[in-house]
Amino acid sequence: MADKIEVENINTPGRVTRVDAAKYQAMKAAMLGTLPTSAPGMTAKESKEAAKPHLPEDLFPGGATSGWWQKCVQLDLEAKGLVVREDTKPLRFHQVQQD
């Protein structure tokens, strides 16, 4: 059985889900490597497209399921305070600057 990691969802506080750790870590690295650290940030679609070239082909063949994983990681990083959702339409996201 594959290793799992617990993820949170900013929209449902207190709820934890277990997902594939390798896919989560790959998407997290790709997102944090491409998501800006200040406003105006990126839309979810822009973030997904920017992350795709950085994903391992063996985990995401042809970018398969990258949209689901991008959303999963985005919601978890928001819940953990590492990513901020801007009050715009469409929604835009950026990283929280680390000291």
C-alpha atoms as a PDB file:
ATOM      1  CA  MET A   1       0.000   0.000   0.000  1.00  0.00           C
ATOM      2  CA  ALA A   2       1.310   3.450  -0.911  1.00  0.00           C
ATOM      3  CA  ASP A   3       2.356   5.886   1.806  1.00  0.00           C
ATOM      4  CA  LYS A   4      -0.363   8.348   2.756  1.00  0.00           C
ATOM      5  CA  ILE A   5      -0.293  11.890   4.097  1.00  0.00           C
ATOM      6  CA  GLU A   6      -3.006  13.731   6.001  1.00  0.00           C
ATOM      7  CA  VAL A   7      -4.384  16.867   4.346  1.00  0.00           C
ATOM      8  CA  GLU A   8      -6.741  19.542   5.588  1.00  0.00           C
ATOM      9  CA  ASN A   9      -9.331  21.601   3.753  1.00  0.00           C
ATOM     10  CA  ILE A  10      -9.786  25.294   4.569  1.00  0.00           C
ATOM     11  CA  ASN A  11     -13.462  24.981   3.624  1.00  0.00           C
ATOM     12  CA  THR A  12     -14.129  22.206   6.188  1.00  0.00           C
ATOM     13  CA  PRO A  13     -12.044  22.947   9.300  1.00  0.00           C
ATOM     14  CA  GLY A  14     -11.190  19.947  11.433  1.00  0.00           C
ATOM     15  CA  ARG A  15     -11.708  17.452   8.626  1.00  0.00           C
ATOM     16  CA  VAL A  16      -8.627  15.459   7.663  1.00  0.00           C
ATOM     17  CA  THR A  17      -8.284  13.228   4.612  1.00  0.00           C
ATOM     18  CA  ARG A  18      -5.481  10.816   3.753  1.00  0.00           C
ATOM     19  CA  VAL A  19      -4.033  10.977   0.224  1.00  0.00           C
ATOM     20  CA  ASP A  20      -1.067   9.553  -1.672  1.00  0.00           C
ATOM     21  CA  ALA A  21       2.071  11.125  -0.179  1.00  0.00           C
ATOM     22  CA  ALA A  22       4.221  10.989  -3.326  1.00  0.00           C
ATOM     23  CA  LYS A  23       1.648  12.748  -5.501  1.00  0.00           C
ATOM     24  CA  TYR A  24       0.929  15.296  -2.773  1.00  0.00           C
ATOM     25  CA  GLN A  25       4.625  16.109  -2.267  1.00  0.00           C
ATOM     26  CA  ALA A  26       5.255  16.359  -6.016  1.00  0.00           C
ATOM     27  CA  MET A  27       2.360  18.772  -6.528  1.00  0.00           C
ATOM     28  CA  LYS A  28       3.274  20.778  -3.427  1.00  0.00           C
ATOM     29  CA  ALA A  29       6.845  21.243  -4.669  1.00  0.00           C
ATOM     30  CA  ALA A  30       5.613  22.209  -8.147  1.00  0.00           C
ATOM     31  CA  MET A  31       3.093  24.695  -6.778  1.00  0.00           C
ATOM     32  CA  LEU A  32       5.430  26.317  -4.274  1.00  0.00           C
ATOM     33  CA  GLY A  33       8.060  26.527  -7.000  1.00  0.00           C
ATOM     34  CA  THR A  34       5.760  28.471  -9.303  1.00  0.00           C
ATOM     35  CA  LEU A  35       3.223  30.325  -7.125  1.00  0.00           C
ATOM     36  CA  PRO A  36       4.122  34.011  -6.565  1.00  0.00           C
ATOM     37  CA  THR A  37       4.883  35.280  -3.066  1.00  0.00           C
ATOM     38  CA  SER A  38       2.751  38.402  -3.424  1.00  0.00           C
ATOM     39  CA  ALA A  39      -0.438  39.703  -5.003  1.00  0.00           C
ATOM     40  CA  PRO A  40      -1.844  39.551  -7.616  1.00  0.00           C
ATOM     41  CA  GLY A  41      -0.905  35.856  -7.482  1.00  0.00           C
ATOM     42  CA  MET A  42      -2.295  33.278  -9.911  1.00  0.00           C
ATOM     43  CA  THR A  43      -5.700  31.840 -10.661  1.00  0.00           C
ATOM     44  CA  ALA A  44      -6.177  28.132  -9.960  1.00  0.00           C
ATOM     45  CA  LYS A  45      -6.019  27.454 -13.699  1.00  0.00           C
ATOM     46  CA  GLU A  46      -2.780  29.427 -14.073  1.00  0.00           C
ATOM     47  CA  SER A  47      -1.301  27.624 -11.070  1.00  0.00           C
ATOM     48  CA  LYS A  48      -2.197  24.214 -12.503  1.00  0.00           C
ATOM     49  CA  GLU A  49      -0.688  25.052 -15.892  1.00  0.00           C
ATOM     50  CA  ALA A  50       2.488  26.476 -14.302  1.00  0.00           C
ATOM     51  CA  ALA A  51       2.924  23.396 -12.097  1.00  0.00           C
ATOM     52  CA  LYS A  52       2.358  20.762 -14.817  1.00  0.00           C
ATOM     53  CA  PRO A  53       5.845  20.927 -16.408  1.00  0.00           C
ATOM     54  CA  HIS A  54       7.401  20.351 -12.958  1.00  0.00           C
ATOM     55  CA  LEU A  55       5.451  17.172 -12.175  1.00  0.00           C
ATOM     56  CA  PRO A  56       7.098  13.752 -12.511  1.00  0.00           C
ATOM     57  CA  GLU A  57       5.792  11.904 -15.549  1.00  0.00           C
ATOM     58  CA  ASP A  58       5.606   8.593 -13.662  1.00  0.00           C
ATOM     59  CA  LEU A  59       3.135  10.066 -11.145  1.00  0.00           C
ATOM     60  CA  PHE A  60       1.226  12.346 -13.530  1.00  0.00           C
ATOM     61  CA  PRO A  61       1.460  10.813 -17.028  1.00  0.00           C
ATOM     62  CA  GLY A  62       0.624  13.566 -19.497  1.00  0.00           C
ATOM     63  CA  GLY A  63      -0.532  15.734 -16.591  1.00  0.00           C
ATOM     64  CA  ALA A  64      -3.292  13.257 -15.713  1.00  0.00           C
ATOM     65  CA  THR A  65      -5.234  14.151 -12.535  1.00  0.00           C
ATOM     66  CA  SER A  66      -3.092  17.256 -11.999  1.00  0.00           C
ATOM     67  CA  GLY A  67      -6.198  19.436 -11.626  1.00  0.00           C
ATOM     68  CA  TRP A  68      -7.544  17.366  -8.736  1.00  0.00           C
ATOM     69  CA  TRP A  69      -4.164  17.312  -7.018  1.00  0.00           C
ATOM     70  CA  GLN A  70      -3.638  21.035  -7.538  1.00  0.00           C
ATOM     71  CA  LYS A  71      -6.946  21.743  -5.776  1.00  0.00           C
ATOM     72  CA  CYS A  72      -6.223  19.246  -2.987  1.00  0.00           C
ATOM     73  CA  VAL A  73      -2.806  20.772  -2.268  1.00  0.00           C
ATOM     74  CA  GLN A  74      -4.075  24.363  -2.620  1.00  0.00           C
ATOM     75  CA  LEU A  75      -6.833  23.784  -0.032  1.00  0.00           C
ATOM     76  CA  ASP A  76      -4.383  22.072   2.329  1.00  0.00           C
ATOM     77  CA  LEU A  77      -1.776  24.826   2.014  1.00  0.00           C
ATOM     78  CA  GLU A  78      -4.481  27.427   2.648  1.00  0.00           C
ATOM     79  CA  ALA A  79      -5.587  25.544   5.777  1.00  0.00           C
ATOM     80  CA  LYS A  80      -1.966  25.458   6.963  1.00  0.00           C
ATOM     81  CA  GLY A  81      -1.506  29.189   6.310  1.00  0.00           C
ATOM     82  CA  LEU A  82       1.122  28.762   3.580  1.00  0.00           C
ATOM     83  CA  VAL A  83      -1.073  30.035   0.729  1.00  0.00           C
ATOM     84  CA  VAL A  84      -3.461  32.985   0.745  1.00  0.00           C
ATOM     85  CA  ARG A  85      -6.704  33.259  -1.228  1.00  0.00           C
ATOM     86  CA  GLU A  86      -7.163  36.787  -2.552  1.00  0.00           C
ATOM     87  CA  ASP A  87     -10.625  38.376  -2.590  1.00  0.00           C
ATOM     88  CA  THR A  88     -10.869  38.645  -6.377  1.00  0.00           C
ATOM     89  CA  LYS A  89     -12.907  37.181  -9.207  1.00  0.00           C
ATOM     90  CA  PRO A  90     -11.665  34.829 -10.383  1.00  0.00           C
ATOM     91  CA  LEU A  91      -9.986  33.771  -7.148  1.00  0.00           C
ATOM     92  CA  ARG A  92      -6.225  34.263  -7.106  1.00  0.00           C
ATOM     93  CA  PHE A  93      -3.660  32.686  -4.796  1.00  0.00           C
ATOM     94  CA  HIS A  94      -0.154  33.490  -3.621  1.00  0.00           C
ATOM     95  CA  GLN A  95       2.285  32.102  -1.094  1.00  0.00           C
ATOM     96  CA  VAL A  96       2.716  33.612   2.339  1.00  0.00           C
ATOM     97  CA  GLN A  97       6.192  35.075   2.577  1.00  0.00           C
ATOM     98  CA  GLN A  98       8.274  33.104   5.069  1.00  0.00           C
ATOM     99  CA  ASP A  99      10.573  34.979   7.443  1.00  0.00           C
END
